[in-house]
PDB file of N, CA and C in Angstrom:
ATOM      1  N   UNK A   1     -14.875 -63.101  -4.372  1.00  0.00           N
ATOM      2  CA  UNK A   1     -14.203 -62.854  -3.118  1.00  0.00           C
ATOM      3  C   UNK A   1     -12.836 -62.231  -3.424  1.00  0.00           C
ATOM      4  N   UNK A   2     -12.505 -61.189  -2.672  1.00  0.00           N
ATOM      5  CA  UNK A   2     -11.213 -60.555  -2.789  1.00  0.00           C
ATOM      6  C   UNK A   2     -10.341 -60.946  -1.634  1.00  0.00           C
ATOM      7  N   UNK A   3      -9.084 -61.264  -1.834  1.00  0.00           N
ATOM      8  CA  UNK A   3      -8.164 -61.684  -0.775  1.00  0.00           C
ATOM      9  C   UNK A   3      -7.080 -60.624  -0.655  1.00  0.00           C
ATOM     10  N   UNK A   4      -6.951 -60.023   0.513  1.00  0.00           N
ATOM     11  CA  UNK A   4      -5.918 -59.010   0.733  1.00  0.00           C
ATOM     12  C   UNK A   4      -4.860 -59.636   1.632  1.00  0.00           C
ATOM     13  N   UNK A   5      -3.634 -59.327   1.352  1.00  0.00           N
ATOM     14  CA  UNK A   5      -2.547 -59.951   2.083  1.00  0.00           C
ATOM     15  C   UNK A   5      -1.456 -58.927   2.367  1.00  0.00           C
ATOM     16  N   UNK A   6      -0.610 -59.275   3.324  1.00  0.00           N
ATOM     17  CA  UNK A   6       0.450 -58.432   3.808  1.00  0.00           C
ATOM     18  C   UNK A   6       1.622 -59.373   4.204  1.00  0.00           C
ATOM     19  N   UNK A   7       2.833 -58.916   4.364  1.00  0.00           N
ATOM     20  CA  UNK A   7       3.821 -59.864   4.843  1.00  0.00           C
ATOM     21  C   UNK A   7       3.608 -60.394   6.214  1.00  0.00           C
ATOM     22  N   UNK A   8       2.655 -59.848   6.970  1.00  0.00           N
ATOM     23  CA  UNK A   8       2.316 -60.371   8.318  1.00  0.00           C
ATOM     24  C   UNK A   8       1.191 -61.287   8.131  1.00  0.00           C
ATOM     25  N   UNK A   9       1.417 -62.691   8.149  1.00  0.00           N
ATOM     26  CA  UNK A   9       0.370 -63.637   7.890  1.00  0.00           C
ATOM     27  C   UNK A   9      -0.879 -63.488   8.722  1.00  0.00           C
ATOM     28  N   UNK A  10      -0.806 -63.072   9.940  1.00  0.00           N
ATOM     29  CA  UNK A  10      -1.987 -62.973  10.767  1.00  0.00           C
ATOM     30  C   UNK A  10      -2.910 -61.858  10.342  1.00  0.00           C
ATOM     31  N   UNK A  11      -2.474 -61.002   9.479  1.00  0.00           N
ATOM     32  CA  UNK A  11      -3.267 -59.904   9.004  1.00  0.00           C
ATOM     33  C   UNK A  11      -3.877 -60.098   7.598  1.00  0.00           C
ATOM     34  N   UNK A  12      -3.749 -61.313   7.057  1.00  0.00           N
ATOM     35  CA  UNK A  12      -4.379 -61.643   5.760  1.00  0.00           C
ATOM     36  C   UNK A  12      -5.861 -61.816   5.983  1.00  0.00           C
ATOM     37  N   UNK A  13      -6.660 -61.347   5.050  1.00  0.00           N
ATOM     38  CA  UNK A  13      -8.044 -61.545   5.160  1.00  0.00           C
ATOM     39  C   UNK A  13      -8.769 -61.564   3.849  1.00  0.00           C
ATOM     40  N   UNK A  14      -9.907 -62.227   3.798  1.00  0.00           N
ATOM     41  CA  UNK A  14     -10.692 -62.186   2.534  1.00  0.00           C
ATOM     42  C   UNK A  14     -11.899 -61.238   2.755  1.00  0.00           C
ATOM     43  N   UNK A  15     -12.320 -60.651   1.710  1.00  0.00           N
ATOM     44  CA  UNK A  15     -13.381 -59.639   1.803  1.00  0.00           C
ATOM     45  C   UNK A  15     -14.435 -59.954   0.724  1.00  0.00           C
ATOM     46  N   UNK A  16     -15.666 -60.116   1.147  1.00  0.00           N
ATOM     47  CA  UNK A  16     -16.714 -60.375   0.220  1.00  0.00           C
ATOM     48  C   UNK A  16     -17.990 -59.675   0.663  1.00  0.00           C
ATOM     49  N   UNK A  17     -18.457 -58.701  -0.196  1.00  0.00           N
ATOM     50  CA  UNK A  17     -19.612 -57.850   0.074  1.00  0.00           C
ATOM     51  C   UNK A  17     -19.398 -57.248   1.458  1.00  0.00           C
ATOM     52  N   UNK A  18     -20.230 -57.469   2.449  1.00  0.00           N
ATOM     53  CA  UNK A  18     -20.140 -56.778   3.739  1.00  0.00           C
ATOM     54  C   UNK A  18     -19.553 -57.692   4.829  1.00  0.00           C
ATOM     55  N   UNK A  19     -18.783 -58.675   4.417  1.00  0.00           N
ATOM     56  CA  UNK A  19     -18.187 -59.601   5.361  1.00  0.00           C
ATOM     57  C   UNK A  19     -16.720 -59.779   5.135  1.00  0.00           C
ATOM     58  N   UNK A  20     -15.936 -60.103   6.154  1.00  0.00           N
ATOM     59  CA  UNK A  20     -14.540 -60.450   5.978  1.00  0.00           C
ATOM     60  C   UNK A  20     -14.218 -61.646   6.852  1.00  0.00           C
ATOM     61  N   UNK A  21     -13.131 -62.301   6.516  1.00  0.00           N
ATOM     62  CA  UNK A  21     -12.655 -63.471   7.352  1.00  0.00           C
ATOM     63  C   UNK A  21     -11.160 -63.398   7.439  1.00  0.00           C
ATOM     64  N   UNK A  22     -10.653 -63.629   8.622  1.00  0.00           N
ATOM     65  CA  UNK A  22      -9.184 -63.735   8.870  1.00  0.00           C
ATOM     66  C   UNK A  22      -8.981 -64.817   9.870  1.00  0.00           C
ATOM     67  N   UNK A  23      -9.608 -65.980   9.603  1.00  0.00           N
ATOM     68  CA  UNK A  23      -9.650 -67.056  10.584  1.00  0.00           C
ATOM     69  C   UNK A  23     -10.880 -66.977  11.420  1.00  0.00           C
ATOM     70  N   UNK A  24     -11.332 -65.761  11.674  1.00  0.00           N
ATOM     71  CA  UNK A  24     -12.579 -65.488  12.426  1.00  0.00           C
ATOM     72  C   UNK A  24     -13.377 -64.510  11.578  1.00  0.00           C
ATOM     73  N   UNK A  25     -14.636 -64.703  11.396  1.00  0.00           N
ATOM     74  CA  UNK A  25     -15.483 -63.901  10.533  1.00  0.00           C
ATOM     75  C   UNK A  25     -15.878 -62.613  11.233  1.00  0.00           C
ATOM     76  N   UNK A  26     -16.103 -61.579  10.430  1.00  0.00           N
ATOM     77  CA  UNK A  26     -16.560 -60.322  10.925  1.00  0.00           C
ATOM     78  C   UNK A  26     -17.352 -59.617   9.797  1.00  0.00           C
ATOM     79  N   UNK A  27     -17.755 -58.372  10.072  1.00  0.00           N
ATOM     80  CA  UNK A  27     -18.505 -57.603   9.089  1.00  0.00           C
ATOM     81  C   UNK A  27     -17.748 -56.313   8.769  1.00  0.00           C
ATOM     82  N   UNK A  28     -18.095 -55.721   7.615  1.00  0.00           N
ATOM     83  CA  UNK A  28     -17.453 -54.488   7.188  1.00  0.00           C
ATOM     84  C   UNK A  28     -18.552 -53.530   6.763  1.00  0.00           C
ATOM     85  N   UNK A  29     -18.512 -52.299   7.287  1.00  0.00           N
ATOM     86  CA  UNK A  29     -19.354 -51.244   6.880  1.00  0.00           C
ATOM     87  C   UNK A  29     -18.577 -50.276   6.063  1.00  0.00           C
ATOM     88  N   UNK A  30     -18.986 -49.971   4.848  1.00  0.00           N
ATOM     89  CA  UNK A  30     -18.239 -49.135   3.948  1.00  0.00           C
ATOM     90  C   UNK A  30     -18.984 -47.852   3.699  1.00  0.00           C
ATOM     91  N   UNK A  31     -18.235 -46.743   3.819  1.00  0.00           N
ATOM     92  CA  UNK A  31     -18.751 -45.398   3.588  1.00  0.00           C
ATOM     93  C   UNK A  31     -17.671 -44.637   2.802  1.00  0.00           C
ATOM     94  N   UNK A  32     -17.871 -44.398   1.565  1.00  0.00           N
ATOM     95  CA  UNK A  32     -16.841 -43.739   0.718  1.00  0.00           C
ATOM     96  C   UNK A  32     -15.622 -44.623   0.702  1.00  0.00           C
ATOM     97  N   UNK A  33     -14.457 -44.118   1.087  1.00  0.00           N
ATOM     98  CA  UNK A  33     -13.247 -44.883   1.056  1.00  0.00           C
ATOM     99  C   UNK A  33     -12.967 -45.569   2.433  1.00  0.00           C
ATOM    100  N   UNK A  34     -13.758 -45.296   3.428  1.00  0.00           N
ATOM    101  CA  UNK A  34     -13.585 -45.788   4.815  1.00  0.00           C
ATOM    102  C   UNK A  34     -14.294 -47.088   4.993  1.00  0.00           C
ATOM    103  N   UNK A  35     -13.592 -48.034   5.643  1.00  0.00           N
ATOM    104  CA  UNK A  35     -14.144 -49.383   5.911  1.00  0.00           C
ATOM    105  C   UNK A  35     -14.057 -49.602   7.420  1.00  0.00           C
ATOM    106  N   UNK A  36     -15.164 -49.773   8.098  1.00  0.00           N
ATOM    107  CA  UNK A  36     -15.174 -50.083   9.552  1.00  0.00           C
ATOM    108  C   UNK A  36     -15.352 -51.585   9.756  1.00  0.00           C
ATOM    109  N   UNK A  37     -14.381 -52.221  10.390  1.00  0.00           N
ATOM    110  CA  UNK A  37     -14.442 -53.638  10.647  1.00  0.00           C
ATOM    111  C   UNK A  37     -15.018 -53.934  11.993  1.00  0.00           C
ATOM    112  N   UNK A  38     -15.919 -54.902  12.039  1.00  0.00           N
ATOM    113  CA  UNK A  38     -16.538 -55.277  13.346  1.00  0.00           C
ATOM    114  C   UNK A  38     -16.422 -56.823  13.481  1.00  0.00           C
ATOM    115  N   UNK A  39     -16.015 -57.246  14.676  1.00  0.00           N
ATOM    116  CA  UNK A  39     -15.803 -58.650  14.911  1.00  0.00           C
ATOM    117  C   UNK A  39     -14.486 -59.158  14.332  1.00  0.00           C
ATOM    118  N   UNK A  40     -14.083 -60.330  14.648  1.00  0.00           N
ATOM    119  CA  UNK A  40     -12.812 -60.871  14.121  1.00  0.00           C
ATOM    120  C   UNK A  40     -11.599 -60.130  14.615  1.00  0.00           C
ATOM    121  N   UNK A  41     -10.485 -60.405  13.933  1.00  0.00           N
ATOM    122  CA  UNK A  41      -9.195 -59.839  14.345  1.00  0.00           C
ATOM    123  C   UNK A  41      -9.019 -58.373  14.127  1.00  0.00           C
ATOM    124  N   UNK A  42      -9.845 -57.836  13.229  1.00  0.00           N
ATOM    125  CA  UNK A  42      -9.767 -56.386  12.949  1.00  0.00           C
ATOM    126  C   UNK A  42     -10.891 -55.593  13.593  1.00  0.00           C
ATOM    127  N   UNK A  43     -11.498 -56.122  14.607  1.00  0.00           N
ATOM    128  CA  UNK A  43     -12.615 -55.495  15.271  1.00  0.00           C
ATOM    129  C   UNK A  43     -12.286 -54.110  15.729  1.00  0.00           C
ATOM    130  N   UNK A  44     -13.150 -53.124  15.352  1.00  0.00           N
ATOM    131  CA  UNK A  44     -12.944 -51.764  15.758  1.00  0.00           C
ATOM    132  C   UNK A  44     -11.997 -50.936  14.922  1.00  0.00           C
ATOM    133  N   UNK A  45     -11.305 -51.611  13.964  1.00  0.00           N
ATOM    134  CA  UNK A  45     -10.335 -50.908  13.122  1.00  0.00           C
ATOM    135  C   UNK A  45     -11.076 -50.245  11.959  1.00  0.00           C
ATOM    136  N   UNK A  46     -10.552 -49.143  11.507  1.00  0.00           N
ATOM    137  CA  UNK A  46     -11.001 -48.465  10.289  1.00  0.00           C
ATOM    138  C   UNK A  46      -9.908 -48.544   9.271  1.00  0.00           C
ATOM    139  N   UNK A  47     -10.249 -49.052   8.080  1.00  0.00           N
ATOM    140  CA  UNK A  47      -9.310 -49.150   6.981  1.00  0.00           C
ATOM    141  C   UNK A  47      -9.667 -48.074   5.952  1.00  0.00           C
ATOM    142  N   UNK A  48      -8.717 -47.662   5.150  1.00  0.00           N
ATOM    143  CA  UNK A  48      -8.940 -46.719   4.083  1.00  0.00           C
ATOM    144  C   UNK A  48      -8.625 -47.422   2.747  1.00  0.00           C
ATOM    145  N   UNK A  49      -9.632 -47.479   1.911  1.00  0.00           N
ATOM    146  CA  UNK A  49      -9.431 -48.174   0.621  1.00  0.00           C
ATOM    147  C   UNK A  49      -8.756 -47.147  -0.320  1.00  0.00           C
ATOM    148  N   UNK A  50      -7.557 -47.582  -0.844  1.00  0.00           N
ATOM    149  CA  UNK A  50      -6.747 -46.714  -1.643  1.00  0.00           C
ATOM    150  C   UNK A  50      -6.870 -46.894  -3.172  1.00  0.00           C
ATOM    151  N   UNK A  51      -7.565 -47.943  -3.596  1.00  0.00           N
ATOM    152  CA  UNK A  51      -7.622 -48.224  -5.036  1.00  0.00           C
ATOM    153  C   UNK A  51      -6.256 -48.593  -5.547  1.00  0.00           C
ATOM    154  N   UNK A  52      -5.959 -48.201  -6.827  1.00  0.00           N
ATOM    155  CA  UNK A  52      -4.650 -48.518  -7.382  1.00  0.00           C
ATOM    156  C   UNK A  52      -4.635 -49.849  -8.082  1.00  0.00           C
ATOM    157  N   UNK A  53      -3.500 -50.218  -8.561  1.00  0.00           N
ATOM    158  CA  UNK A  53      -3.369 -51.505  -9.231  1.00  0.00           C
ATOM    159  C   UNK A  53      -2.097 -52.192  -8.796  1.00  0.00           C
ATOM    160  N   UNK A  54      -2.131 -53.110  -7.836  1.00  0.00           N
ATOM    161  CA  UNK A  54      -3.368 -53.669  -7.224  1.00  0.00           C
ATOM    162  C   UNK A  54      -3.915 -52.754  -6.112  1.00  0.00           C
ATOM    163  N   UNK A  55      -5.204 -52.830  -5.847  1.00  0.00           N
ATOM    164  CA  UNK A  55      -5.792 -52.007  -4.783  1.00  0.00           C
ATOM    165  C   UNK A  55      -5.216 -52.356  -3.436  1.00  0.00           C
ATOM    166  N   UNK A  56      -5.212 -51.379  -2.495  1.00  0.00           N
ATOM    167  CA  UNK A  56      -4.733 -51.571  -1.146  1.00  0.00           C
ATOM    168  C   UNK A  56      -5.724 -51.041  -0.126  1.00  0.00           C
ATOM    169  N   UNK A  57      -5.567 -51.504   1.086  1.00  0.00           N
ATOM    170  CA  UNK A  57      -6.330 -50.987   2.193  1.00  0.00           C
ATOM    171  C   UNK A  57      -5.343 -50.645   3.288  1.00  0.00           C
ATOM    172  N   UNK A  58      -5.317 -49.409   3.789  1.00  0.00           N
ATOM    173  CA  UNK A  58      -4.384 -48.957   4.778  1.00  0.00           C
ATOM    174  C   UNK A  58      -5.124 -48.812   6.145  1.00  0.00           C
ATOM    175  N   UNK A  59      -4.341 -49.101   7.190  1.00  0.00           N
ATOM    176  CA  UNK A  59      -4.797 -48.958   8.576  1.00  0.00           C
ATOM    177  C   UNK A  59      -3.838 -48.012   9.289  1.00  0.00           C
ATOM    178  N   UNK A  60      -4.383 -47.049  10.050  1.00  0.00           N
ATOM    179  CA  UNK A  60      -3.559 -46.056  10.738  1.00  0.00           C
ATOM    180  C   UNK A  60      -3.746 -46.098  12.228  1.00  0.00           C
ATOM    181  N   UNK A  61      -2.735 -45.670  12.997  1.00  0.00           N
ATOM    182  CA  UNK A  61      -2.853 -45.616  14.451  1.00  0.00           C
ATOM    183  C   UNK A  61      -3.434 -44.215  14.821  1.00  0.00           C
ATOM    184  N   UNK A  62      -3.612 -43.967  16.120  1.00  0.00           N
ATOM    185  CA  UNK A  62      -4.130 -42.747  16.637  1.00  0.00           C
ATOM    186  C   UNK A  62      -3.305 -41.496  16.255  1.00  0.00           C
ATOM    187  N   UNK A  63      -2.029 -41.687  15.968  1.00  0.00           N
ATOM    188  CA  UNK A  63      -1.117 -40.581  15.583  1.00  0.00           C
ATOM    189  C   UNK A  63      -1.170 -40.296  14.091  1.00  0.00           C
ATOM    190  N   UNK A  64      -1.992 -41.085  13.342  1.00  0.00           N
ATOM    191  CA  UNK A  64      -2.119 -40.893  11.915  1.00  0.00           C
ATOM    192  C   UNK A  64      -1.020 -41.579  11.148  1.00  0.00           C
ATOM    193  N   UNK A  65      -0.226 -42.420  11.772  1.00  0.00           N
ATOM    194  CA  UNK A  65       0.795 -43.201  11.084  1.00  0.00           C
ATOM    195  C   UNK A  65       0.230 -44.495  10.525  1.00  0.00           C
ATOM    196  N   UNK A  66       0.585 -44.789   9.281  1.00  0.00           N
ATOM    197  CA  UNK A  66       0.179 -46.028   8.700  1.00  0.00           C
ATOM    198  C   UNK A  66       0.865 -47.185   9.389  1.00  0.00           C
ATOM    199  N   UNK A  67       0.002 -48.101   9.933  1.00  0.00           N
ATOM    200  CA  UNK A  67       0.585 -49.230  10.681  1.00  0.00           C
ATOM    201  C   UNK A  67       0.449 -50.572   9.951  1.00  0.00           C
ATOM    202  N   UNK A  68      -0.427 -50.522   8.927  1.00  0.00           N
ATOM    203  CA  UNK A  68      -0.619 -51.806   8.192  1.00  0.00           C
ATOM    204  C   UNK A  68      -1.119 -51.487   6.766  1.00  0.00           C
ATOM    205  N   UNK A  69      -0.539 -52.102   5.785  1.00  0.00           N
ATOM    206  CA  UNK A  69      -0.930 -51.965   4.425  1.00  0.00           C
ATOM    207  C   UNK A  69      -1.237 -53.293   3.807  1.00  0.00           C
ATOM    208  N   UNK A  70      -2.469 -53.508   3.449  1.00  0.00           N
ATOM    209  CA  UNK A  70      -2.877 -54.813   2.795  1.00  0.00           C
ATOM    210  C   UNK A  70      -3.107 -54.583   1.345  1.00  0.00           C
ATOM    211  N   UNK A  71      -2.563 -55.492   0.543  1.00  0.00           N
ATOM    212  CA  UNK A  71      -2.651 -55.426  -0.886  1.00  0.00           C
ATOM    213  C   UNK A  71      -3.444 -56.566  -1.431  1.00  0.00           C
ATOM    214  N   UNK A  72      -4.290 -56.294  -2.442  1.00  0.00           N
ATOM    215  CA  UNK A  72      -5.030 -57.370  -3.067  1.00  0.00           C
ATOM    216  C   UNK A  72      -4.119 -58.427  -3.653  1.00  0.00           C
ATOM    217  N   UNK A  73      -4.278 -59.666  -3.212  1.00  0.00           N
ATOM    218  CA  UNK A  73      -3.478 -60.790  -3.715  1.00  0.00           C
ATOM    219  C   UNK A  73      -4.108 -61.265  -4.999  1.00  0.00           C
ATOM    220  N   UNK A  74      -3.312 -61.535  -5.949  1.00  0.00           N
ATOM    221  CA  UNK A  74      -3.842 -62.021  -7.298  1.00  0.00           C
ATOM    222  C   UNK A  74      -3.469 -63.459  -7.483  1.00  0.00           C
TER     223      UNK A  74
END
């Protein structure tokens, strides 16, 4: 299980295979670097997996501005 975190505690989530949990469970569909979240707190959001060390997932608004960056917690 991978745990991603951000300074905003309500946006912390764990990711395992095609599921995620942030207090409420949901699913994730992955295509290339795009991650579509369904259900739970991130329902309808698309994240972009950035890789790196540690890896991150970015979320953008309709204007293309990054609104949330989650980093793999170690």
